[in-house]
Amino acid sequence: MNKGFNLKRINPNQTQIFFDDGRFETVTDTELEAFLSEASLADHEETQSQDPMN
């Protein structure tokens, strides 16, 4: 299951993450970097677990 999100920079040090289910979070640059790393890893793992023959 892929969770969608959009990003909006609200000032030089903070970004809001808007999730498709209506939630949002305001994060610092450090937190954003960690979030994007986790999202990328989760997406990569999801892609690897799919059967390429289907």
N, C-alpha and C. Protein backbone atom coordinates (compact mmCIF):
# COMPACT_ATOMS: atom_id res chain seq x y z
N MET A 1 0.85 -1.18 0.00
CA MET A 1 0.00 0.00 0.00
C MET A 1 0.89 1.24 0.00
N ASN A 2 0.70 2.09 -0.96
CA ASN A 2 1.52 3.30 -1.08
C ASN A 2 0.78 4.47 -0.45
N LYS A 3 1.40 5.09 0.53
CA LYS A 3 0.80 6.26 1.17
C LYS A 3 1.27 7.50 0.43
N GLY A 4 0.33 8.29 -0.06
CA GLY A 4 0.68 9.48 -0.79
C GLY A 4 0.81 10.68 0.11
N PHE A 5 1.62 11.62 -0.33
CA PHE A 5 1.79 12.85 0.43
C PHE A 5 2.27 13.95 -0.50
N ASN A 6 2.06 15.20 -0.07
CA ASN A 6 2.55 16.38 -0.76
C ASN A 6 3.33 17.22 0.24
N LEU A 7 4.30 17.97 -0.28
CA LEU A 7 5.13 18.81 0.58
C LEU A 7 4.90 20.27 0.26
N LYS A 8 4.94 21.09 1.31
CA LYS A 8 4.83 22.55 1.15
C LYS A 8 5.81 23.21 2.10
N ARG A 9 6.76 23.93 1.54
CA ARG A 9 7.75 24.67 2.35
C ARG A 9 7.04 25.88 2.92
N ILE A 10 7.06 26.03 4.27
CA ILE A 10 6.36 27.16 4.88
C ILE A 10 7.31 28.25 5.36
N ASN A 11 8.57 27.90 5.56
CA ASN A 11 9.61 28.89 5.85
C ASN A 11 10.95 28.21 5.60
N PRO A 12 12.07 28.91 5.68
CA PRO A 12 13.35 28.30 5.32
C PRO A 12 13.73 27.04 6.11
N ASN A 13 13.15 26.85 7.28
CA ASN A 13 13.54 25.71 8.11
C ASN A 13 12.42 24.70 8.36
N GLN A 14 11.24 24.92 7.80
CA GLN A 14 10.12 24.03 8.08
C GLN A 14 9.34 23.72 6.81
N THR A 15 8.82 22.49 6.78
CA THR A 15 7.99 22.02 5.67
C THR A 15 6.77 21.33 6.25
N GLN A 16 5.64 21.50 5.58
CA GLN A 16 4.45 20.75 5.97
C GLN A 16 4.29 19.57 5.03
N ILE A 17 3.98 18.41 5.62
CA ILE A 17 3.71 17.20 4.86
C ILE A 17 2.21 16.96 4.95
N PHE A 18 1.53 16.98 3.81
CA PHE A 18 0.10 16.73 3.75
C PHE A 18 -0.12 15.31 3.22
N PHE A 19 -0.74 14.47 4.04
CA PHE A 19 -0.99 13.09 3.66
C PHE A 19 -2.34 12.99 2.97
N ASP A 20 -2.48 11.99 2.09
CA ASP A 20 -3.72 11.81 1.33
C ASP A 20 -4.93 11.56 2.21
N ASP A 21 -4.73 11.07 3.43
CA ASP A 21 -5.87 10.80 4.32
C ASP A 21 -6.31 12.04 5.12
N GLY A 22 -5.69 13.21 4.83
CA GLY A 22 -6.12 14.45 5.47
C GLY A 22 -5.22 14.92 6.60
N ARG A 23 -4.35 14.06 7.08
CA ARG A 23 -3.44 14.47 8.15
C ARG A 23 -2.35 15.36 7.59
N PHE A 24 -1.72 16.15 8.46
CA PHE A 24 -0.54 16.89 8.06
C PHE A 24 0.39 17.04 9.25
N GLU A 25 1.66 17.22 8.96
CA GLU A 25 2.68 17.43 9.98
C GLU A 25 3.58 18.56 9.54
N THR A 26 4.03 19.35 10.49
CA THR A 26 5.04 20.38 10.24
C THR A 26 6.34 19.84 10.79
N VAL A 27 7.37 19.79 9.93
CA VAL A 27 8.64 19.19 10.32
C VAL A 27 9.80 20.12 10.00
N THR A 28 10.89 19.92 10.73
CA THR A 28 12.13 20.66 10.45
C THR A 28 12.84 19.99 9.27
N ASP A 29 13.88 20.63 8.78
CA ASP A 29 14.64 20.06 7.67
C ASP A 29 15.23 18.69 8.03
N THR A 30 15.71 18.55 9.25
CA THR A 30 16.28 17.28 9.70
C THR A 30 15.21 16.19 9.73
N GLU A 31 14.03 16.53 10.26
CA GLU A 31 12.93 15.57 10.30
C GLU A 31 12.45 15.22 8.90
N LEU A 32 12.44 16.22 8.01
CA LEU A 32 12.02 15.99 6.63
C LEU A 32 12.97 15.02 5.94
N GLU A 33 14.26 15.20 6.14
CA GLU A 33 15.25 14.32 5.54
C GLU A 33 15.04 12.87 6.01
N ALA A 34 14.78 12.70 7.30
CA ALA A 34 14.54 11.36 7.85
C ALA A 34 13.25 10.78 7.27
N PHE A 35 12.20 11.59 7.19
CA PHE A 35 10.92 11.13 6.64
C PHE A 35 11.08 10.67 5.19
N LEU A 36 11.76 11.48 4.38
CA LEU A 36 11.93 11.14 2.97
C LEU A 36 12.80 9.89 2.80
N SER A 37 13.78 9.71 3.67
CA SER A 37 14.60 8.49 3.62
C SER A 37 13.75 7.27 3.93
N GLU A 38 12.91 7.37 4.95
CA GLU A 38 12.03 6.25 5.31
C GLU A 38 11.01 5.98 4.21
N ALA A 39 10.45 7.04 3.63
CA ALA A 39 9.47 6.87 2.56
C ALA A 39 10.11 6.21 1.35
N SER A 40 11.32 6.60 1.03
CA SER A 40 12.04 6.02 -0.10
C SER A 40 12.35 4.55 0.16
N LEU A 41 12.79 4.23 1.37
CA LEU A 41 13.09 2.85 1.73
C LEU A 41 11.84 1.99 1.68
N ALA A 42 10.73 2.50 2.21
CA ALA A 42 9.47 1.76 2.19
C ALA A 42 9.01 1.51 0.77
N ASP A 43 9.14 2.51 -0.10
CA ASP A 43 8.76 2.36 -1.50
C ASP A 43 9.64 1.33 -2.18
N HIS A 44 10.94 1.36 -1.89
CA HIS A 44 11.88 0.40 -2.47
C HIS A 44 11.54 -1.02 -2.02
N GLU A 45 11.24 -1.20 -0.74
CA GLU A 45 10.91 -2.52 -0.22
C GLU A 45 9.61 -3.02 -0.83
N GLU A 46 8.64 -2.13 -1.02
CA GLU A 46 7.37 -2.51 -1.63
C GLU A 46 7.59 -2.96 -3.07
N THR A 47 8.42 -2.25 -3.80
CA THR A 47 8.73 -2.59 -5.18
C THR A 47 9.44 -3.94 -5.25
N GLN A 48 10.35 -4.19 -4.33
CA GLN A 48 11.11 -5.45 -4.33
C GLN A 48 10.21 -6.64 -4.00
N SER A 49 9.16 -6.44 -3.21
CA SER A 49 8.30 -7.55 -2.80
C SER A 49 7.25 -7.91 -3.85
N GLN A 50 7.07 -7.08 -4.87
CA GLN A 50 6.10 -7.38 -5.91
C GLN A 50 6.66 -8.43 -6.86
N ASP A 51 5.80 -9.31 -7.30
CA ASP A 51 6.19 -10.37 -8.22
C ASP A 51 6.27 -9.78 -9.63
N PRO A 52 7.44 -9.75 -10.25
CA PRO A 52 7.59 -9.15 -11.59
C PRO A 52 6.86 -9.92 -12.68
N MET A 53 6.44 -11.15 -12.41
CA MET A 53 5.75 -11.95 -13.42
C MET A 53 4.25 -11.64 -13.47
N ASN A 54 3.72 -10.90 -12.52
CA ASN A 54 2.28 -10.58 -12.49
C ASN A 54 2.03 -9.19 -13.01
